[in-house]
Amino acid sequence: MYHLRLKGEHYQMGVKRGLIFQKAKMAFPLHLDKFQIEHGKASEKILKEFFPEVCEEILGISDTMGIDYLPFASWMLCMGCCMYNLEENIPVEIRGCTAFAFSKNGRIIYGRNNDLPPYLRDGSKSEIYAPADGNRFNITTSSFVNGEEGLNEHGLAVAMTFVMTGLEKIQAGFNSCFVVRYLLEKADSTEAAISLLMPLPIASNCNILLADRSGNMVVVECTPTAKRIRKPEMFKNGKIVCTVNSFTSDEMKQYDDANGNDYDSAKRYGVVMDSFSHCITDDVIETTKLLLKGEYGFMCQYDNEPDFETVWSSIFDLRSLVIFRAEGDPRKKKFIADSRLHDIVSEK
């Protein structure tokens, strides 16, 4: 996993990344069909309307690498949304993932297993952003610029999980990974993030988990035509909210097009919810590690799945801003503390 720091104006942050890509002789599979090209162009207009700064960052990359901006931005906006023919370029895009947040004995903790094809493991990144006119944050990503999860300087955690969408239902808008980046940079609390998210055009089905250091936590179940806020479940020793690769609320299940092909989402969800009341002790970090390792039930044990595994696991302490991360299958890799965000915020 790469550990990068970016700060300053968005265009210059893009230039810095472009120079890194140039040095590494990176190339990108910009092989989009007509549907994807049109989707990308229409989505880029929406991205520029709501989040022009990130378009400047993408432009900095494309200018530095000598790539046409619009096809490059369009390709990025198709990822995690409509890369249904990606097998022509690199292996087919499939995504698992379990994310949760809980409050227990004054601790606010977020956890995640990021489940992907293993070819994405070595290129994954944990990045610190300090934009000139936005929140400072840590974002973890199997891509770049956007991401699957993150924590910002205000103690707001934002994460996505992928939910299958029929192609005919996809609309122009933000893909889930750009939603994560947008909210990390712009919001300072769960309520602020909700107010930004609800009017945002969403391209395809996804769950967006939001949790802040005050203990306010929700999952927003999103489709191109509807959004629903799902509140945490309350227990006598705290509360927890969890999201997997399906919609949990009865009202939103009609939009889920996975037809059960969702890497045991229901089983993973059940393990998280059952473990909260029975297994998570006052030593919340250590027992959350055990949960993510699959010690309490099925979480990351994809041994019988070809070309699919947990490529990283994360735990965020929302109040201390310290992150613990296993860079690979958590059964095999140790969780290492990452205090970079804590340290730069403490420098105030």
Protein backbone atom coordinates (compact mmCIF):
# COMPACT_ATOMS: atom_id res chain seq x y z
CA MET A 1 0.00 0.00 0.00
CA TYR A 2 1.28 3.45 -0.93
CA HIS A 3 1.30 6.26 1.65
CA LEU A 4 1.10 9.66 -0.01
CA ARG A 5 0.66 13.22 1.30
CA LEU A 6 -0.92 15.91 -0.82
CA LYS A 7 -1.48 19.53 0.15
CA GLY A 8 -2.22 22.91 -1.40
CA GLU A 9 -4.27 23.89 -4.42
CA HIS A 10 -6.14 21.09 -6.14
CA TYR A 11 -4.55 21.52 -9.56
CA GLN A 12 -1.07 21.34 -8.02
CA MET A 13 -1.99 18.24 -6.03
CA GLY A 14 -3.02 16.70 -9.34
CA VAL A 15 0.28 17.72 -10.92
CA LYS A 16 2.18 16.04 -8.07
CA ARG A 17 0.26 12.80 -8.61
CA GLY A 18 0.72 13.04 -12.36
CA LEU A 19 4.48 13.31 -11.91
CA ILE A 20 4.43 10.21 -9.69
CA PHE A 21 2.45 8.35 -12.35
CA GLN A 22 4.87 9.54 -15.04
CA LYS A 23 7.87 8.32 -13.07
CA ALA A 24 6.19 4.94 -12.59
CA LYS A 25 5.31 4.85 -16.32
CA MET A 26 1.63 4.33 -15.49
CA ALA A 27 -0.91 3.80 -18.27
CA PHE A 28 -4.68 3.74 -17.97
CA PRO A 29 -7.25 1.53 -19.77
CA LEU A 30 -9.47 4.25 -21.20
CA HIS A 31 -11.47 1.79 -23.31
CA LEU A 32 -15.03 2.98 -22.83
CA ASP A 33 -18.00 2.01 -24.96
CA LYS A 34 -20.66 4.46 -26.12
CA PHE A 35 -22.79 4.06 -22.99
CA GLN A 36 -19.83 4.66 -20.70
CA ILE A 37 -18.57 7.64 -22.69
CA GLU A 38 -21.97 9.33 -22.52
CA HIS A 39 -22.37 8.45 -18.86
CA GLY A 40 -18.93 9.82 -18.05
CA LYS A 41 -19.46 13.09 -19.92
CA ALA A 42 -22.82 13.74 -18.28
CA SER A 43 -21.46 12.80 -14.86
CA GLU A 44 -18.44 15.08 -15.24
CA LYS A 45 -20.80 18.05 -15.69
CA ILE A 46 -22.47 17.17 -12.40
CA LEU A 47 -19.14 16.61 -10.66
CA LYS A 48 -17.97 20.05 -11.85
CA GLU A 49 -21.19 21.67 -10.64
CA PHE A 50 -20.97 20.29 -7.10
CA PHE A 51 -17.23 19.73 -6.65
CA PRO A 52 -15.24 21.82 -9.16
CA GLU A 53 -12.09 21.56 -7.05
CA VAL A 54 -11.74 17.83 -7.65
CA CYS A 55 -12.13 18.40 -11.39
CA GLU A 56 -9.14 20.74 -11.14
CA GLU A 57 -7.19 17.97 -9.43
CA ILE A 58 -8.06 15.51 -12.21
CA LEU A 59 -7.06 18.16 -14.77
CA GLY A 60 -3.69 18.52 -13.06
CA ILE A 61 -3.11 14.77 -13.49
CA SER A 62 -4.25 14.67 -17.11
CA ASP A 63 -2.27 17.78 -18.13
CA THR A 64 0.90 16.41 -16.54
CA MET A 65 0.51 13.03 -18.22
CA GLY A 66 -0.57 14.40 -21.59
CA ILE A 67 -3.99 12.70 -21.44
CA ASP A 68 -7.22 14.32 -22.64
CA TYR A 69 -9.09 15.45 -19.55
CA LEU A 70 -12.66 14.50 -20.42
CA PRO A 71 -12.07 10.83 -21.38
CA PHE A 72 -9.88 10.48 -18.27
CA ALA A 73 -12.48 12.00 -15.94
CA SER A 74 -15.21 9.94 -17.63
CA TRP A 75 -13.26 6.73 -17.01
CA MET A 76 -12.88 7.62 -13.32
CA LEU A 77 -16.62 8.31 -13.01
CA CYS A 78 -17.49 4.94 -14.55
CA MET A 79 -15.45 3.01 -11.97
CA GLY A 80 -17.58 1.34 -9.32
CA CYS A 81 -20.63 2.16 -11.41
CA CYS A 82 -20.75 0.83 -14.97
CA MET A 83 -17.46 -0.92 -15.70
CA TYR A 84 -19.41 -4.00 -16.74
CA ASN A 85 -17.06 -4.78 -19.65
CA LEU A 86 -13.85 -4.14 -17.77
CA GLU A 87 -12.67 -7.67 -18.56
CA GLU A 88 -11.50 -6.27 -21.90
CA ASN A 89 -8.96 -4.16 -20.00
CA ILE A 90 -8.21 -5.71 -16.59
CA PRO A 91 -10.15 -8.29 -14.51
CA VAL A 92 -13.88 -7.76 -14.06
CA GLU A 93 -14.84 -5.15 -11.47
CA ILE A 94 -16.33 -6.82 -8.41
CA ARG A 95 -16.59 -5.42 -4.91
CA GLY A 96 -17.44 -6.82 -1.50
CA CYS A 97 -16.82 -4.90 1.75
CA THR A 98 -18.23 -4.69 5.25
CA ALA A 99 -18.28 -1.38 7.13
CA PHE A 100 -19.66 -0.50 10.55
CA ALA A 101 -19.51 2.12 13.28
CA PHE A 102 -20.41 1.80 16.91
CA SER A 103 -20.54 3.70 20.19
CA LYS A 104 -19.59 1.87 23.39
CA ASN A 105 -18.51 3.21 26.79
CA GLY A 106 -17.61 6.60 25.38
CA ARG A 107 -15.61 5.23 22.43
CA ILE A 108 -16.70 5.88 18.84
CA ILE A 109 -15.17 3.27 16.54
CA TYR A 110 -15.41 2.57 12.80
CA GLY A 111 -14.28 -0.70 11.19
CA ARG A 112 -14.04 -2.06 7.67
CA ASN A 113 -12.92 -5.00 5.56
CA ASN A 114 -12.30 -3.89 1.98
CA ASP A 115 -12.90 -6.93 -0.24
CA LEU A 116 -11.68 -6.81 -3.84
CA PRO A 117 -9.82 -8.82 -6.49
CA PRO A 118 -6.23 -9.27 -5.25
CA TYR A 119 -4.69 -7.46 -8.24
CA LEU A 120 -5.91 -4.23 -6.61
CA ARG A 121 -4.07 -4.90 -3.33
CA ASP A 122 -0.59 -3.71 -4.24
CA GLY A 123 -1.83 -0.50 -5.84
CA SER A 124 -4.02 0.51 -2.91
CA LYS A 125 -3.24 3.77 -1.16
CA SER A 126 -3.67 5.46 2.20
CA GLU A 127 -3.38 9.17 1.55
CA ILE A 128 -3.32 12.32 3.64
CA TYR A 129 -4.94 15.32 1.97
CA ALA A 130 -4.56 18.91 3.17
CA PRO A 131 -6.35 20.95 0.48
CA ALA A 132 -6.01 24.72 0.54
CA ASP A 133 -9.73 25.33 1.10
CA GLY A 134 -11.08 22.13 2.62
CA ASN A 135 -10.88 19.68 5.48
CA ARG A 136 -7.73 17.69 6.07
CA PHE A 137 -8.40 13.96 5.84
CA ASN A 138 -7.06 10.45 5.42
CA ILE A 139 -8.60 8.53 2.51
CA THR A 140 -8.02 4.86 1.69
CA THR A 141 -8.53 3.82 -1.90
CA SER A 142 -7.96 1.11 -4.48
CA SER A 143 -8.06 3.92 -7.07
CA PHE A 144 -6.90 7.53 -6.67
CA VAL A 145 -8.47 10.97 -6.08
CA ASN A 146 -11.63 9.24 -4.83
CA GLY A 147 -11.84 6.42 -2.28
CA GLU A 148 -13.72 3.74 -0.40
CA GLU A 149 -13.37 5.19 3.11
CA GLY A 150 -11.81 7.98 5.09
CA LEU A 151 -11.62 10.04 8.26
CA ASN A 152 -11.30 13.81 8.40
CA GLU A 153 -9.88 16.24 10.94
CA HIS A 154 -13.30 16.78 12.57
CA GLY A 155 -13.65 13.10 13.43
CA LEU A 156 -16.11 12.38 10.60
CA ALA A 157 -15.82 8.92 9.03
CA VAL A 158 -17.29 8.36 5.57
CA ALA A 159 -17.41 5.00 3.78
CA MET A 160 -19.14 3.37 0.83
CA THR A 161 -20.27 -0.13 0.02
CA PHE A 162 -21.16 -1.24 -3.50
CA VAL A 163 -24.67 -2.50 -4.36
CA MET A 164 -25.38 -4.00 -7.77
CA THR A 165 -27.39 -1.84 -10.18
CA GLY A 166 -29.06 -2.79 -13.43
CA LEU A 167 -27.49 -0.89 -16.33
CA GLU A 168 -30.84 0.53 -17.39
CA LYS A 169 -31.17 2.17 -13.95
CA ILE A 170 -27.79 3.94 -13.93
CA GLN A 171 -27.98 7.72 -14.26
CA ALA A 172 -25.48 10.54 -14.52
CA GLY A 173 -24.07 11.57 -11.18
CA PHE A 174 -21.46 10.88 -8.52
CA ASN A 175 -20.22 7.34 -8.17
CA SER A 176 -19.94 6.19 -4.56
CA CYS A 177 -16.18 6.72 -4.30
CA PHE A 178 -16.47 10.37 -5.33
CA VAL A 179 -19.25 10.75 -2.73
CA VAL A 180 -16.75 9.62 -0.07
CA ARG A 181 -14.13 12.14 -1.20
CA TYR A 182 -16.67 14.99 -1.47
CA LEU A 183 -18.07 14.50 2.03
CA LEU A 184 -14.66 14.06 3.67
CA GLU A 185 -13.47 17.34 2.22
CA LYS A 186 -16.65 19.37 2.74
CA ALA A 187 -18.47 18.14 5.87
CA ASP A 188 -17.58 18.39 9.55
CA SER A 189 -20.31 16.19 11.07
CA THR A 190 -22.82 13.50 10.18
CA GLU A 191 -25.61 16.08 9.95
CA ALA A 192 -23.57 18.29 7.64
CA ALA A 193 -22.71 15.29 5.47
CA ILE A 194 -26.38 14.29 5.22
CA SER A 195 -27.33 17.80 4.12
CA LEU A 196 -24.71 17.64 1.35
CA LEU A 197 -25.56 14.08 0.33
CA MET A 198 -29.34 14.24 0.06
CA PRO A 199 -29.48 16.62 -2.96
CA LEU A 200 -26.49 14.99 -4.67
CA PRO A 201 -27.21 13.12 -7.95
CA ILE A 202 -26.12 9.50 -7.45
CA ALA A 203 -25.09 7.37 -10.43
CA SER A 204 -25.76 3.86 -9.10
CA ASN A 205 -26.79 1.94 -6.00
CA CYS A 206 -24.58 2.25 -2.94
CA ASN A 207 -24.58 2.60 0.81
CA ILE A 208 -22.87 5.57 2.43
CA LEU A 209 -21.94 5.16 6.09
CA LEU A 210 -21.49 8.34 8.14
CA ALA A 211 -20.27 8.54 11.74
CA ASP A 212 -18.86 11.43 13.74
CA ARG A 213 -17.02 11.87 17.00
CA SER A 214 -20.22 12.87 18.82
CA GLY A 215 -21.63 9.39 18.15
CA ASN A 216 -24.11 10.43 15.46
CA MET A 217 -24.06 7.59 12.91
CA VAL A 218 -26.26 6.49 10.00
CA VAL A 219 -26.19 4.59 6.74
CA VAL A 220 -27.74 6.37 3.76
CA GLU A 221 -29.02 3.80 1.28
CA CYS A 222 -28.71 5.47 -2.13
CA THR A 223 -30.06 4.79 -5.62
CA PRO A 224 -30.23 7.10 -8.65
CA THR A 225 -33.88 7.82 -7.78
CA ALA A 226 -34.19 7.45 -4.00
CA LYS A 227 -32.28 7.80 -0.73
CA ARG A 228 -33.18 6.50 2.70
CA ILE A 229 -31.49 7.20 6.04
CA ARG A 230 -31.08 4.09 8.18
CA LYS A 231 -30.41 4.74 11.86
CA PRO A 232 -28.25 2.60 14.16
CA GLU A 233 -29.59 -0.26 16.23
CA MET A 234 -29.63 0.42 19.94
CA PHE A 235 -28.33 -1.99 22.59
CA LYS A 236 -28.06 -1.61 26.34
CA ASN A 237 -24.30 -1.19 26.02
CA GLY A 238 -24.30 1.17 23.03
CA LYS A 239 -25.36 1.39 19.39
CA ILE A 240 -24.11 0.17 16.03
CA VAL A 241 -24.78 0.67 12.34
CA CYS A 242 -23.46 -1.68 9.65
CA THR A 243 -23.50 -1.82 5.87
CA VAL A 244 -22.59 -4.57 3.40
CA ASN A 245 -23.28 -5.09 -0.33
CA SER A 246 -27.04 -4.99 -0.18
CA PHE A 247 -29.82 -2.74 1.08
CA THR A 248 -30.91 -3.70 4.58
CA SER A 249 -34.15 -1.73 4.91
CA ASP A 250 -37.29 -3.34 3.49
CA GLU A 251 -38.17 -0.17 1.59
CA MET A 252 -34.96 -0.25 -0.46
CA LYS A 253 -34.57 -3.98 -1.17
CA GLN A 254 -36.60 -3.59 -4.37
CA TYR A 255 -33.70 -1.59 -5.88
CA ASP A 256 -31.02 -4.23 -5.24
CA ASP A 257 -30.12 -6.07 -8.46
CA ALA A 258 -27.55 -8.52 -7.05
CA ASN A 259 -30.04 -11.41 -6.92
CA GLY A 260 -28.17 -12.82 -3.96
CA ASN A 261 -24.77 -12.67 -5.68
CA ASP A 262 -23.29 -10.38 -3.03
CA TYR A 263 -20.49 -12.37 -1.35
CA ASP A 264 -22.55 -13.47 1.66
CA SER A 265 -23.63 -9.97 2.59
CA ALA A 266 -26.40 -11.16 4.91
CA LYS A 267 -24.00 -13.49 6.73
CA ARG A 268 -21.39 -10.74 7.20
CA TYR A 269 -24.04 -8.30 8.42
CA GLY A 270 -25.33 -10.82 10.94
CA VAL A 271 -21.85 -11.54 12.29
CA VAL A 272 -21.19 -7.83 12.89
CA MET A 273 -24.51 -7.22 14.62
CA ASP A 274 -24.31 -10.35 16.77
CA SER A 275 -20.71 -9.65 17.73
CA PHE A 276 -21.45 -6.17 19.03
CA SER A 277 -23.46 -7.35 22.01
CA HIS A 278 -21.63 -10.63 22.64
CA CYS A 279 -17.97 -10.13 21.68
CA ILE A 280 -16.98 -6.45 21.63
CA THR A 281 -15.54 -5.78 25.09
CA ASP A 282 -14.21 -2.63 26.73
CA ASP A 283 -10.99 -3.32 24.83
CA VAL A 284 -12.75 -2.09 21.72
CA ILE A 285 -9.76 -1.91 19.39
CA GLU A 286 -8.52 -5.44 20.05
CA THR A 287 -11.96 -7.05 19.86
CA THR A 288 -12.78 -5.09 16.68
CA LYS A 289 -9.58 -6.51 15.18
CA LEU A 290 -10.79 -10.01 16.07
CA LEU A 291 -14.16 -9.30 14.45
CA LEU A 292 -12.50 -8.16 11.22
CA LYS A 293 -10.21 -11.20 11.27
CA GLY A 294 -13.25 -13.47 11.26
CA GLU A 295 -12.75 -14.79 14.79
CA TYR A 296 -16.47 -14.35 15.56
CA GLY A 297 -17.83 -15.65 12.24
CA PHE A 298 -17.56 -15.19 8.49
CA MET A 299 -16.01 -11.85 7.56
CA CYS A 300 -12.91 -12.27 5.40
CA GLN A 301 -12.70 -16.02 4.80
CA TYR A 302 -12.89 -15.93 0.98
CA ASP A 303 -10.60 -18.96 0.58
CA ASN A 304 -13.04 -20.68 -1.78
CA GLU A 305 -13.62 -17.56 -3.90
CA PRO A 306 -11.30 -17.35 -6.91
CA ASP A 307 -9.61 -13.95 -7.32
CA PHE A 308 -11.34 -12.31 -4.35
CA GLU A 309 -10.07 -11.44 -0.89
CA THR A 310 -9.89 -8.79 1.82
CA VAL A 311 -7.18 -6.44 0.54
CA TRP A 312 -7.12 -4.23 3.64
CA SER A 313 -8.85 -3.80 7.00
CA SER A 314 -9.25 -0.53 8.90
CA ILE A 315 -10.23 0.65 12.36
CA PHE A 316 -10.74 4.36 13.07
CA ASP A 317 -10.90 5.88 16.55
CA LEU A 318 -13.04 8.91 15.75
CA ARG A 319 -12.05 10.91 18.81
CA SER A 320 -8.29 10.35 18.83
CA LEU A 321 -8.06 10.32 14.99
CA VAL A 322 -5.73 7.32 15.20
CA ILE A 323 -6.18 4.65 12.53
CA PHE A 324 -5.21 0.98 12.71
CA ARG A 325 -4.79 -0.78 9.37
CA ALA A 326 -3.92 -4.27 8.16
CA GLU A 327 -2.55 -3.96 4.62
CA GLY A 328 -3.84 -7.27 3.32
CA ASP A 329 -5.89 -10.16 4.68
CA PRO A 330 -6.22 -9.36 8.41
CA ARG A 331 -5.75 -13.05 9.26
CA LYS A 332 -2.23 -12.78 7.87
CA LYS A 333 -1.24 -9.12 8.31
CA LYS A 334 -0.84 -7.18 11.54
CA PHE A 335 -2.82 -4.03 12.27
CA ILE A 336 -0.38 -1.11 12.34
CA ALA A 337 -1.20 2.26 13.91
CA ASP A 338 -1.33 5.24 11.52
CA SER A 339 -1.23 8.52 13.44
CA ARG A 340 -0.55 10.87 10.52
CA LEU A 341 -3.95 12.59 10.66
CA HIS A 342 -3.81 12.83 14.45
CA ASP A 343 -0.34 14.33 14.25
CA ILE A 344 -1.11 17.04 11.70
CA VAL A 345 -4.27 18.06 13.52
CA SER A 346 -2.35 18.20 16.82
CA GLU A 347 0.13 20.62 15.23
CA LYS A 348 -2.48 23.42 15.27
